[in-house]
Amino acid sequence: MASRAIGRATVRAVTSKRLTPQKAPLTLHGVLIGVKTRGCNGLTYTLDYADKKGKFDEEVVQDGVKVFIDAKAQLTLLGTEMDYHEDKLTSEFIFNNPNIKGTCGCGESFNV
């Protein structure tokens, strides 16, 4: 039986120059994705640089980039795909989360 991945990043998200710190030389091991309570619908995504993997964090490696999924967010993010989009007006990460039951009007928060 095939195992189900907790998360996946597209090649565009992985090769984005935005994943590399620009100002100071830092030793980073990956990007940490989580969720926190915020907005009118309950939850919002968090995205931070990670200098180490947490004890219970899930690690996903794609094209040489490590993405750590916060232990408290793993059930919420199960099956989520992360993509990066950039055009003349915006640059953003886009999350395609199959667990979402509803979102707010502005798109800042969601519920599962």
N, C-alpha and C. Protein backbone atom coordinates (compact mmCIF):
# COMPACT_ATOMS: atom_id res chain seq x y z
N MET A 1 0.83 -1.17 0.00
CA MET A 1 0.00 0.00 0.00
C MET A 1 0.88 1.24 0.00
N ALA A 2 0.60 2.18 -0.88
CA ALA A 2 1.41 3.39 -1.00
C ALA A 2 1.15 4.32 0.18
N SER A 3 2.22 4.94 0.67
CA SER A 3 2.06 5.89 1.77
C SER A 3 1.62 7.24 1.22
N ARG A 4 0.87 7.97 2.01
CA ARG A 4 0.36 9.27 1.60
C ARG A 4 1.27 10.35 2.16
N ALA A 5 1.76 11.21 1.30
CA ALA A 5 2.66 12.27 1.73
C ALA A 5 1.89 13.34 2.49
N ILE A 6 2.53 13.91 3.48
CA ILE A 6 1.90 14.98 4.24
C ILE A 6 1.84 16.24 3.40
N GLY A 7 2.86 16.53 2.65
CA GLY A 7 2.85 17.74 1.83
C GLY A 7 3.76 17.56 0.64
N ARG A 8 3.63 18.49 -0.31
CA ARG A 8 4.42 18.42 -1.52
C ARG A 8 4.63 19.85 -2.01
N ALA A 9 5.80 20.13 -2.55
CA ALA A 9 6.07 21.45 -3.11
C ALA A 9 6.31 21.30 -4.60
N THR A 10 5.83 22.25 -5.39
CA THR A 10 6.05 22.20 -6.83
C THR A 10 7.46 22.68 -7.14
N VAL A 11 7.93 22.39 -8.34
CA VAL A 11 9.27 22.80 -8.75
C VAL A 11 9.39 24.32 -8.70
N ARG A 12 8.34 25.04 -9.08
CA ARG A 12 8.37 26.49 -9.04
C ARG A 12 8.59 27.00 -7.63
N ALA A 13 7.98 26.38 -6.66
CA ALA A 13 8.15 26.80 -5.26
C ALA A 13 9.56 26.48 -4.77
N VAL A 14 10.08 25.35 -5.20
CA VAL A 14 11.40 24.91 -4.73
C VAL A 14 12.52 25.74 -5.34
N THR A 15 12.40 26.12 -6.61
CA THR A 15 13.48 26.84 -7.27
C THR A 15 13.39 28.34 -7.11
N SER A 16 12.40 28.81 -6.41
CA SER A 16 12.22 30.25 -6.22
C SER A 16 13.40 30.85 -5.46
N LYS A 17 13.88 31.97 -5.94
CA LYS A 17 14.98 32.65 -5.24
C LYS A 17 14.55 33.19 -3.89
N ARG A 18 13.25 33.27 -3.64
CA ARG A 18 12.74 33.80 -2.38
C ARG A 18 13.04 32.86 -1.20
N LEU A 19 13.39 31.63 -1.46
CA LEU A 19 13.69 30.69 -0.39
C LEU A 19 15.10 30.87 0.15
N THR A 20 15.88 31.75 -0.47
CA THR A 20 17.26 31.97 -0.06
C THR A 20 17.36 33.31 0.65
N PRO A 21 17.90 33.35 1.86
CA PRO A 21 18.03 34.63 2.56
C PRO A 21 18.99 35.54 1.80
N GLN A 22 18.68 36.82 1.73
CA GLN A 22 19.46 37.75 0.93
C GLN A 22 20.40 38.63 1.75
N LYS A 23 20.13 38.89 3.03
CA LYS A 23 20.86 39.92 3.76
C LYS A 23 22.05 39.41 4.56
N ALA A 24 21.92 38.34 5.29
CA ALA A 24 22.99 37.89 6.16
C ALA A 24 23.29 36.42 5.90
N PRO A 25 24.55 36.04 6.03
CA PRO A 25 24.86 34.62 5.85
C PRO A 25 24.32 33.82 7.04
N LEU A 26 23.37 32.98 6.80
CA LEU A 26 22.76 32.16 7.83
C LEU A 26 22.90 30.70 7.46
N THR A 27 22.94 29.86 8.45
CA THR A 27 22.91 28.43 8.20
C THR A 27 21.48 27.98 8.40
N LEU A 28 20.80 27.74 7.30
CA LEU A 28 19.41 27.33 7.35
C LEU A 28 19.28 25.91 6.84
N HIS A 29 18.40 25.16 7.47
CA HIS A 29 18.19 23.79 7.05
C HIS A 29 16.93 23.62 6.23
N GLY A 30 16.04 24.59 6.24
CA GLY A 30 14.82 24.45 5.47
C GLY A 30 13.81 25.53 5.78
N VAL A 31 12.59 25.27 5.33
CA VAL A 31 11.47 26.18 5.53
C VAL A 31 10.46 25.47 6.42
N LEU A 32 9.95 26.16 7.43
CA LEU A 32 8.98 25.60 8.36
C LEU A 32 7.59 26.12 8.03
N ILE A 33 6.66 25.20 7.78
CA ILE A 33 5.28 25.56 7.48
C ILE A 33 4.41 25.14 8.65
N GLY A 34 3.51 26.01 9.04
CA GLY A 34 2.59 25.69 10.12
C GLY A 34 1.29 26.44 9.94
N VAL A 35 0.44 26.39 10.93
CA VAL A 35 -0.81 27.15 10.93
C VAL A 35 -0.96 27.82 12.30
N LYS A 36 -1.68 28.94 12.32
CA LYS A 36 -1.99 29.59 13.59
C LYS A 36 -3.40 30.15 13.52
N THR A 37 -3.98 30.40 14.68
CA THR A 37 -5.32 30.95 14.76
C THR A 37 -5.26 32.42 14.37
N ARG A 38 -6.04 32.77 13.34
CA ARG A 38 -6.04 34.15 12.86
C ARG A 38 -7.17 34.33 11.86
N GLY A 39 -7.66 35.52 11.74
CA GLY A 39 -8.66 35.85 10.74
C GLY A 39 -10.07 35.49 11.17
N CYS A 40 -11.00 35.71 10.28
CA CYS A 40 -12.42 35.52 10.61
C CYS A 40 -12.86 34.07 10.45
N ASN A 41 -12.02 33.22 9.86
CA ASN A 41 -12.45 31.84 9.63
C ASN A 41 -11.65 30.82 10.43
N GLY A 42 -10.67 31.26 11.23
CA GLY A 42 -10.03 30.33 12.15
C GLY A 42 -8.54 30.15 12.02
N LEU A 43 -8.04 29.73 10.86
CA LEU A 43 -6.63 29.38 10.72
C LEU A 43 -6.00 30.12 9.55
N THR A 44 -4.69 30.34 9.64
CA THR A 44 -3.92 30.89 8.53
C THR A 44 -2.57 30.19 8.49
N TYR A 45 -1.92 30.17 7.33
CA TYR A 45 -0.63 29.52 7.18
C TYR A 45 0.48 30.40 7.73
N THR A 46 1.52 29.76 8.27
CA THR A 46 2.74 30.46 8.66
C THR A 46 3.89 29.86 7.87
N LEU A 47 4.86 30.67 7.54
CA LEU A 47 6.01 30.24 6.75
C LEU A 47 7.24 30.94 7.30
N ASP A 48 8.21 30.18 7.79
CA ASP A 48 9.42 30.74 8.39
C ASP A 48 10.63 29.93 7.95
N TYR A 49 11.80 30.57 8.00
CA TYR A 49 13.04 29.83 7.81
C TYR A 49 13.28 28.98 9.05
N ALA A 50 13.87 27.82 8.86
CA ALA A 50 14.14 26.92 9.98
C ALA A 50 15.64 26.64 10.05
N ASP A 51 16.20 26.82 11.24
CA ASP A 51 17.61 26.50 11.41
C ASP A 51 17.81 25.06 11.87
N LYS A 52 16.72 24.40 12.29
CA LYS A 52 16.80 22.99 12.64
C LYS A 52 15.40 22.38 12.59
N LYS A 53 15.37 21.08 12.48
CA LYS A 53 14.10 20.34 12.45
C LYS A 53 13.66 20.10 13.88
N GLY A 54 12.39 20.39 14.17
CA GLY A 54 11.84 20.11 15.48
C GLY A 54 11.71 18.61 15.70
N LYS A 55 11.66 18.20 16.94
CA LYS A 55 11.64 16.78 17.29
C LYS A 55 10.51 16.01 16.60
N PHE A 56 9.32 16.60 16.50
CA PHE A 56 8.17 15.90 15.92
C PHE A 56 7.74 16.47 14.57
N ASP A 57 8.53 17.38 14.00
CA ASP A 57 8.20 17.94 12.69
C ASP A 57 8.37 16.89 11.60
N GLU A 58 7.54 16.98 10.59
CA GLU A 58 7.65 16.11 9.42
C GLU A 58 8.58 16.79 8.42
N GLU A 59 9.45 16.02 7.79
CA GLU A 59 10.40 16.58 6.82
C GLU A 59 10.05 16.10 5.42
N VAL A 60 9.91 17.04 4.50
CA VAL A 60 9.67 16.73 3.09
C VAL A 60 10.81 17.36 2.31
N VAL A 61 11.49 16.55 1.48
CA VAL A 61 12.59 17.06 0.67
C VAL A 61 12.20 16.94 -0.79
N GLN A 62 12.29 18.06 -1.51
CA GLN A 62 12.01 18.03 -2.94
C GLN A 62 13.03 18.91 -3.65
N ASP A 63 13.69 18.36 -4.64
CA ASP A 63 14.69 19.07 -5.43
C ASP A 63 15.73 19.76 -4.55
N GLY A 64 16.13 19.11 -3.48
CA GLY A 64 17.17 19.62 -2.61
C GLY A 64 16.74 20.61 -1.55
N VAL A 65 15.47 20.98 -1.52
CA VAL A 65 14.97 21.92 -0.51
C VAL A 65 14.20 21.16 0.55
N LYS A 66 14.53 21.42 1.81
CA LYS A 66 13.82 20.77 2.92
C LYS A 66 12.68 21.66 3.39
N VAL A 67 11.51 21.06 3.49
CA VAL A 67 10.33 21.73 4.03
C VAL A 67 9.93 20.97 5.28
N PHE A 68 9.90 21.66 6.41
CA PHE A 68 9.49 21.05 7.67
C PHE A 68 8.04 21.44 7.94
N ILE A 69 7.23 20.46 8.32
CA ILE A 69 5.84 20.71 8.65
C ILE A 69 5.69 20.62 10.16
N ASP A 70 5.28 21.71 10.76
CA ASP A 70 5.13 21.79 12.21
C ASP A 70 4.25 20.65 12.72
N ALA A 71 4.66 20.05 13.82
CA ALA A 71 3.94 18.89 14.37
C ALA A 71 2.47 19.19 14.64
N LYS A 72 2.18 20.40 15.12
CA LYS A 72 0.79 20.75 15.45
C LYS A 72 -0.06 20.98 14.20
N ALA A 73 0.57 21.14 13.04
CA ALA A 73 -0.16 21.44 11.81
C ALA A 73 -0.28 20.25 10.86
N GLN A 74 0.29 19.11 11.22
CA GLN A 74 0.37 18.00 10.28
C GLN A 74 -0.98 17.49 9.81
N LEU A 75 -1.95 17.35 10.70
CA LEU A 75 -3.27 16.87 10.27
C LEU A 75 -3.98 17.90 9.41
N THR A 76 -3.79 19.17 9.72
CA THR A 76 -4.41 20.24 8.94
C THR A 76 -3.81 20.31 7.54
N LEU A 77 -2.52 20.02 7.40
CA LEU A 77 -1.82 20.15 6.13
C LEU A 77 -1.69 18.85 5.36
N LEU A 78 -2.26 17.78 5.84
CA LEU A 78 -2.15 16.47 5.17
C LEU A 78 -2.62 16.57 3.73
N GLY A 79 -1.75 16.23 2.78
CA GLY A 79 -2.09 16.24 1.36
C GLY A 79 -1.98 17.60 0.69
N THR A 80 -1.51 18.61 1.40
CA THR A 80 -1.44 19.97 0.85
C THR A 80 -0.30 20.10 -0.16
N GLU A 81 -0.55 20.81 -1.25
CA GLU A 81 0.47 21.16 -2.23
C GLU A 81 0.78 22.64 -2.10
N MET A 82 2.08 22.96 -2.12
CA MET A 82 2.52 24.34 -2.01
C MET A 82 3.14 24.76 -3.33
N ASP A 83 2.78 25.93 -3.84
CA ASP A 83 3.33 26.45 -5.08
C ASP A 83 3.75 27.90 -4.86
N TYR A 84 4.60 28.40 -5.72
CA TYR A 84 5.04 29.79 -5.65
C TYR A 84 4.64 30.48 -6.95
N HIS A 85 4.04 31.65 -6.83
CA HIS A 85 3.59 32.40 -8.00
C HIS A 85 4.16 33.82 -7.93
N GLU A 86 4.68 34.29 -9.06
CA GLU A 86 5.23 35.64 -9.10
C GLU A 86 4.83 36.29 -10.42
N ASP A 87 4.32 37.51 -10.35
CA ASP A 87 4.04 38.29 -11.55
C ASP A 87 4.44 39.74 -11.27
N LYS A 88 4.01 40.67 -12.12
CA LYS A 88 4.44 42.06 -11.98
C LYS A 88 3.95 42.73 -10.70
N LEU A 89 2.82 42.28 -10.17
CA LEU A 89 2.24 42.92 -8.99
C LEU A 89 2.40 42.15 -7.69
N THR A 90 2.53 40.85 -7.76
CA THR A 90 2.57 40.04 -6.54
C THR A 90 3.61 38.93 -6.62
N SER A 91 4.01 38.48 -5.47
CA SER A 91 4.77 37.23 -5.34
C SER A 91 4.23 36.56 -4.09
N GLU A 92 3.83 35.30 -4.23
CA GLU A 92 3.16 34.65 -3.10
C GLU A 92 3.28 33.14 -3.19
N PHE A 93 3.17 32.51 -2.03
CA PHE A 93 3.03 31.07 -1.96
C PHE A 93 1.54 30.76 -2.01
N ILE A 94 1.20 29.73 -2.76
CA ILE A 94 -0.19 29.31 -2.89
C ILE A 94 -0.30 27.90 -2.33
N PHE A 95 -1.27 27.69 -1.45
CA PHE A 95 -1.48 26.39 -0.83
C PHE A 95 -2.76 25.78 -1.37
N ASN A 96 -2.66 24.56 -1.90
CA ASN A 96 -3.83 23.81 -2.35
C ASN A 96 -4.07 22.73 -1.30
N ASN A 97 -4.99 23.01 -0.38
CA ASN A 97 -5.22 22.14 0.77
C ASN A 97 -6.57 21.43 0.62
N PRO A 98 -6.56 20.10 0.44
CA PRO A 98 -7.82 19.36 0.25
C PRO A 98 -8.66 19.26 1.52
N ASN A 99 -8.13 19.66 2.66
CA ASN A 99 -8.85 19.55 3.93
C ASN A 99 -9.72 20.77 4.24
N ILE A 100 -9.59 21.83 3.48
CA ILE A 100 -10.31 23.07 3.77
C ILE A 100 -11.81 22.88 3.52
N LYS A 101 -12.59 23.28 4.51
CA LYS A 101 -14.06 23.22 4.41
C LYS A 101 -14.65 24.58 4.07
N GLY A 102 -13.94 25.66 4.38
CA GLY A 102 -14.44 26.99 4.09
C GLY A 102 -13.34 28.02 4.24
N THR A 103 -13.49 29.15 3.55
CA THR A 103 -12.53 30.25 3.65
C THR A 103 -13.29 31.55 3.86
N CYS A 104 -12.56 32.57 4.30
CA CYS A 104 -13.18 33.88 4.46
C CYS A 104 -13.20 34.59 3.11
N GLY A 105 -13.88 35.70 3.04
CA GLY A 105 -14.01 36.43 1.79
C GLY A 105 -12.71 36.96 1.23
N CYS A 106 -11.80 37.37 2.09
CA CYS A 106 -10.53 37.93 1.62
C CYS A 106 -9.49 36.85 1.34
N GLY A 107 -9.73 35.62 1.77
CA GLY A 107 -8.81 34.53 1.51
C GLY A 107 -7.67 34.41 2.51
N GLU A 108 -7.70 35.20 3.58
CA GLU A 108 -6.61 35.17 4.56
C GLU A 108 -6.70 33.96 5.49
N SER A 109 -7.90 33.50 5.79
CA SER A 109 -8.04 32.40 6.75
C SER A 109 -8.96 31.31 6.20
N PHE A 110 -8.90 30.15 6.86
CA PHE A 110 -9.68 28.99 6.44
C PHE A 110 -10.07 28.16 7.65
N ASN A 111 -10.97 27.20 7.44
CA ASN A 111 -11.29 26.24 8.50
C ASN A 111 -11.30 24.84 7.91
N VAL A 112 -11.07 23.87 8.78
CA VAL A 112 -11.05 22.46 8.35
C VAL A 112 -12.09 21.67 9.11
